[in-house]
C-alpha atoms as a PDB file:
ATOM      1  CA  MET A   1     -26.772  25.003 -17.858  1.00  0.00           C
ATOM      2  CA  GLU A   2     -30.202  24.259 -16.471  1.00  0.00           C
ATOM      3  CA  SER A   3     -31.526  25.208 -13.012  1.00  0.00           C
ATOM      4  CA  SER A   4     -32.518  22.808 -10.606  1.00  0.00           C
ATOM      5  CA  SER A   5     -34.897  23.064  -7.630  1.00  0.00           C
ATOM      6  CA  THR A   6     -32.078  22.794  -5.232  1.00  0.00           C
ATOM      7  CA  SER A   7     -30.885  25.195  -2.999  1.00  0.00           C
ATOM      8  CA  PHE A   8     -27.561  25.488  -0.648  1.00  0.00           C
ATOM      9  CA  GLY A   9     -26.775  27.872   1.961  1.00  0.00           C
ATOM     10  CA  ARG A  10     -26.622  28.736   5.633  1.00  0.00           C
ATOM     11  CA  THR A  11     -29.755  30.066   7.801  1.00  0.00           C
ATOM     12  CA  ASN A  12     -29.536  30.783  11.263  1.00  0.00           C
ATOM     13  CA  ASN A  13     -31.499  28.455  13.507  1.00  0.00           C
ATOM     14  CA  THR A  14     -33.260  29.771  16.838  1.00  0.00           C
ATOM     15  CA  GLY A  15     -29.986  29.009  19.158  1.00  0.00           C
ATOM     16  CA  GLY A  16     -28.004  31.299  17.032  1.00  0.00           C
ATOM     17  CA  GLY A  17     -25.713  28.881  15.008  1.00  0.00           C
ATOM     18  CA  VAL A  18     -25.697  28.009  11.536  1.00  0.00           C
ATOM     19  CA  GLU A  19     -27.329  25.286   9.924  1.00  0.00           C
ATOM     20  CA  ILE A  20     -25.880  24.003   6.585  1.00  0.00           C
ATOM     21  CA  GLN A  21     -28.870  23.241   4.646  1.00  0.00           C
ATOM     22  CA  GLY A  22     -26.998  21.365   1.840  1.00  0.00           C
ATOM     23  CA  ARG A  23     -28.030  20.637  -1.500  1.00  0.00           C
ATOM     24  CA  THR A  24     -31.806  19.569  -0.733  1.00  0.00           C
ATOM     25  CA  CYS A  25     -35.396  20.513  -2.020  1.00  0.00           C
ATOM     26  CA  HIS A  26     -37.553  22.621   0.156  1.00  0.00           C
ATOM     27  CA  CYS A  27     -41.220  21.326  -0.801  1.00  0.00           C
ATOM     28  CA  GLY A  28     -43.723  23.479  -1.286  1.00  0.00           C
ATOM     29  CA  SER A  29     -45.042  26.321   1.084  1.00  0.00           C
ATOM     30  CA  THR A  30     -44.435  24.052   4.076  1.00  0.00           C
ATOM     31  CA  GLY A  31     -40.593  24.807   3.912  1.00  0.00           C
ATOM     32  CA  GLN A  32     -39.650  21.110   4.860  1.00  0.00           C
ATOM     33  CA  ARG A  33     -36.601  19.318   3.118  1.00  0.00           C
ATOM     34  CA  CYS A  34     -38.078  16.068   1.155  1.00  0.00           C
ATOM     35  CA  ASP A  35     -34.124  15.381   0.809  1.00  0.00           C
ATOM     36  CA  PHE A  36     -34.498  15.270  -3.016  1.00  0.00           C
ATOM     37  CA  PHE A  37     -31.453  16.795  -4.690  1.00  0.00           C
ATOM     38  CA  GLU A  38     -30.557  16.837  -8.402  1.00  0.00           C
ATOM     39  CA  TRP A  39     -26.518  17.659  -9.399  1.00  0.00           C
ATOM     40  CA  VAL A  40     -26.081  20.288 -12.498  1.00  0.00           C
ATOM     41  CA  ASP A  41     -22.682  19.702 -13.844  1.00  0.00           C
ATOM     42  CA  GLN A  42     -21.146  22.685 -15.550  1.00  0.00           C
ATOM     43  CA  PHE A  43     -20.029  22.105 -19.330  1.00  0.00           C
ATOM     44  CA  VAL A  44     -16.456  21.053 -19.704  1.00  0.00           C
ATOM     45  CA  CYS A  45     -14.166  23.798 -21.667  1.00  0.00           C
ATOM     46  CA  ASP A  46     -12.518  21.953 -25.045  1.00  0.00           C
ATOM     47  CA  ARG A  47      -9.191  21.961 -23.535  1.00  0.00           C
ATOM     48  CA  ALA A  48      -9.976  19.749 -20.594  1.00  0.00           C
ATOM     49  CA  VAL A  49     -11.831  17.604 -23.167  1.00  0.00           C
ATOM     50  CA  MET A  50      -8.630  17.257 -24.771  1.00  0.00           C
ATOM     51  CA  ILE A  51      -6.387  16.621 -22.375  1.00  0.00           C
ATOM     52  CA  ILE A  52      -8.335  14.021 -19.618  1.00  0.00           C
ATOM     53  CA  PRO A  53      -8.636  11.432 -21.952  1.00  0.00           C
ATOM     54  CA  GLY A  54      -4.509  11.358 -22.142  1.00  0.00           C
ATOM     55  CA  LEU A  55      -4.709  11.760 -18.552  1.00  0.00           C
ATOM     56  CA  MET A  56      -6.549   8.557 -18.219  1.00  0.00           C
ATOM     57  CA  VAL A  57      -4.804   6.540 -20.613  1.00  0.00           C
ATOM     58  CA  ARG A  58      -1.479   7.731 -18.611  1.00  0.00           C
ATOM     59  CA  LEU A  59      -3.400   7.113 -15.331  1.00  0.00           C
ATOM     60  CA  ASN A  60      -4.253   3.664 -16.617  1.00  0.00           C
ATOM     61  CA  GLN A  61      -0.667   2.818 -17.461  1.00  0.00           C
ATOM     62  CA  LEU A  62       1.030   3.768 -14.316  1.00  0.00           C
ATOM     63  CA  GLU A  63      -1.526   1.942 -12.397  1.00  0.00           C
ATOM     64  CA  GLY A  64      -0.487  -1.188 -14.538  1.00  0.00           C
ATOM     65  CA  GLN A  65       3.039  -0.594 -13.918  1.00  0.00           C
ATOM     66  CA  TYR A  66       2.462  -0.337  -9.987  1.00  0.00           C
ATOM     67  CA  ARG A  67       0.702  -3.389 -10.066  1.00  0.00           C
ATOM     68  CA  MET A  68       3.898  -4.822 -11.743  1.00  0.00           C
ATOM     69  CA  VAL A  69       5.963  -3.358  -9.417  1.00  0.00           C
ATOM     70  CA  GLU A  70       3.981  -4.518  -6.535  1.00  0.00           C
ATOM     71  CA  THR A  71       3.871  -8.198  -8.085  1.00  0.00           C
ATOM     72  CA  GLU A  72       7.541  -8.189  -8.258  1.00  0.00           C
ATOM     73  CA  MET A  73       8.197  -6.879  -4.701  1.00  0.00           C
ATOM     74  CA  ASN A  74       5.878  -9.617  -3.456  1.00  0.00           C
ATOM     75  CA  ARG A  75       8.187 -11.922  -5.322  1.00  0.00           C
ATOM     76  CA  LEU A  76      11.298 -10.567  -4.258  1.00  0.00           C
ATOM     77  CA  GLU A  77       9.784 -10.496  -0.421  1.00  0.00           C
ATOM     78  CA  GLU A  78       8.676 -14.175  -0.534  1.00  0.00           C
ATOM     79  CA  GLN A  79      12.815 -15.035  -2.274  1.00  0.00           C
ATOM     80  CA  ASN A  80      14.559 -12.443   0.076  1.00  0.00           C
ATOM     81  CA  ARG A  81      12.454 -15.157   3.060  1.00  0.00           C
ATOM     82  CA  HIS A  82      13.196 -18.361   1.520  1.00  0.00           C
ATOM     83  CA  LEU A  83      16.998 -17.167   1.377  1.00  0.00           C
ATOM     84  CA  LEU A  84      17.104 -15.970   4.921  1.00  0.00           C
ATOM     85  CA  GLU A  85      15.642 -19.562   6.009  1.00  0.00           C
ATOM     86  CA  THR A  86      18.540 -21.194   3.775  1.00  0.00           C
ATOM     87  CA  PHE A  87      20.860 -18.978   5.173  1.00  0.00           C
ATOM     88  CA  VAL A  88      20.128 -19.832   9.105  1.00  0.00           C
ATOM     89  CA  GLN A  89      20.454 -23.341   8.348  1.00  0.00           C
ATOM     90  CA  LEU A  90      23.487 -22.988   6.362  1.00  0.00           C
ATOM     91  CA  GLU A  91      24.863 -21.099   9.461  1.00  0.00           C
ATOM     92  CA  SER A  92      23.475 -23.907  11.918  1.00  0.00           C
ATOM     93  CA  ALA A  93      25.520 -26.484   9.851  1.00  0.00           C
ATOM     94  CA  ASN A  94      28.309 -24.197   9.770  1.00  0.00           C
ATOM     95  CA  ASN A  95      28.603 -23.869  13.632  1.00  0.00           C
ATOM     96  CA  ALA A  96      28.587 -27.789  13.743  1.00  0.00           C
ATOM     97  CA  LEU A  97      31.323 -28.300  11.167  1.00  0.00           C
ATOM     98  CA  ARG A  98      33.644 -26.185  12.999  1.00  0.00           C
ATOM     99  CA  CYS A  99      32.862 -27.825  16.083  1.00  0.00           C
ATOM    100  CA  LYS A 100      33.400 -31.308  14.710  1.00  0.00           C
ATOM    101  CA  PHE A 101      37.043 -29.584  12.729  1.00  0.00           C
ATOM    102  CA  LYS A 102      37.878 -28.263  16.470  1.00  0.00           C
ATOM    103  CA  LEU A 103      37.414 -31.816  17.184  1.00  0.00           C
ATOM    104  CA  VAL A 104      39.497 -33.441  15.168  1.00  0.00           C
ATOM    105  CA  LEU A 105      42.416 -30.885  15.269  1.00  0.00           C
ATOM    106  CA  ILE A 106      42.894 -32.014  18.456  1.00  0.00           C
ATOM    107  CA  CYS A 107      42.796 -35.272  17.980  1.00  0.00           C
ATOM    108  CA  VAL A 108      45.521 -35.432  15.267  1.00  0.00           C
ATOM    109  CA  LEU A 109      47.651 -33.080  17.509  1.00  0.00           C
ATOM    110  CA  VAL A 110      47.116 -35.613  20.356  1.00  0.00           C
ATOM    111  CA  CYS A 111      48.196 -38.272  18.109  1.00  0.00           C
ATOM    112  CA  LEU A 112      51.533 -36.737  16.711  1.00  0.00           C
ATOM    113  CA  LEU A 113      52.204 -35.770  20.285  1.00  0.00           C
ATOM    114  CA  ALA A 114      52.057 -39.329  21.013  1.00  0.00           C
ATOM    115  CA  LEU A 115      53.937 -40.405  17.922  1.00  0.00           C
ATOM    116  CA  PHE A 116      56.705 -38.100  18.568  1.00  0.00           C
ATOM    117  CA  TRP A 117      57.120 -39.347  22.565  1.00  0.00           C
ATOM    118  CA  PHE A 118      57.271 -42.585  22.054  1.00  0.00           C
ATOM    119  CA  VAL A 119      59.505 -42.655  19.144  1.00  0.00           C
END
């Protein structure tokens, strides 16, 4: 692991508070930051090198399954919306037919009463 020219730490400022410097370079003797930073990654152990690709494959599989389930869910939601619209239309038609049926039933009863009344 190589060292970098960055520092990370806390210094007290004149107000008594704490200033977080972050990973920035302190240039020369002026002590001012130039906002340069260099990230140094640690070495990865052999076990992690063996495990991470398998985890990535599994993650990609799960993301693919998620997309398929999400697509199916969207399709079913659209189908459900369409079925609800159809149900409302059929319910309205059913109510209209019930009213017509009641009217026809009353007319038939009146006709039967009139038939038996005059016979």
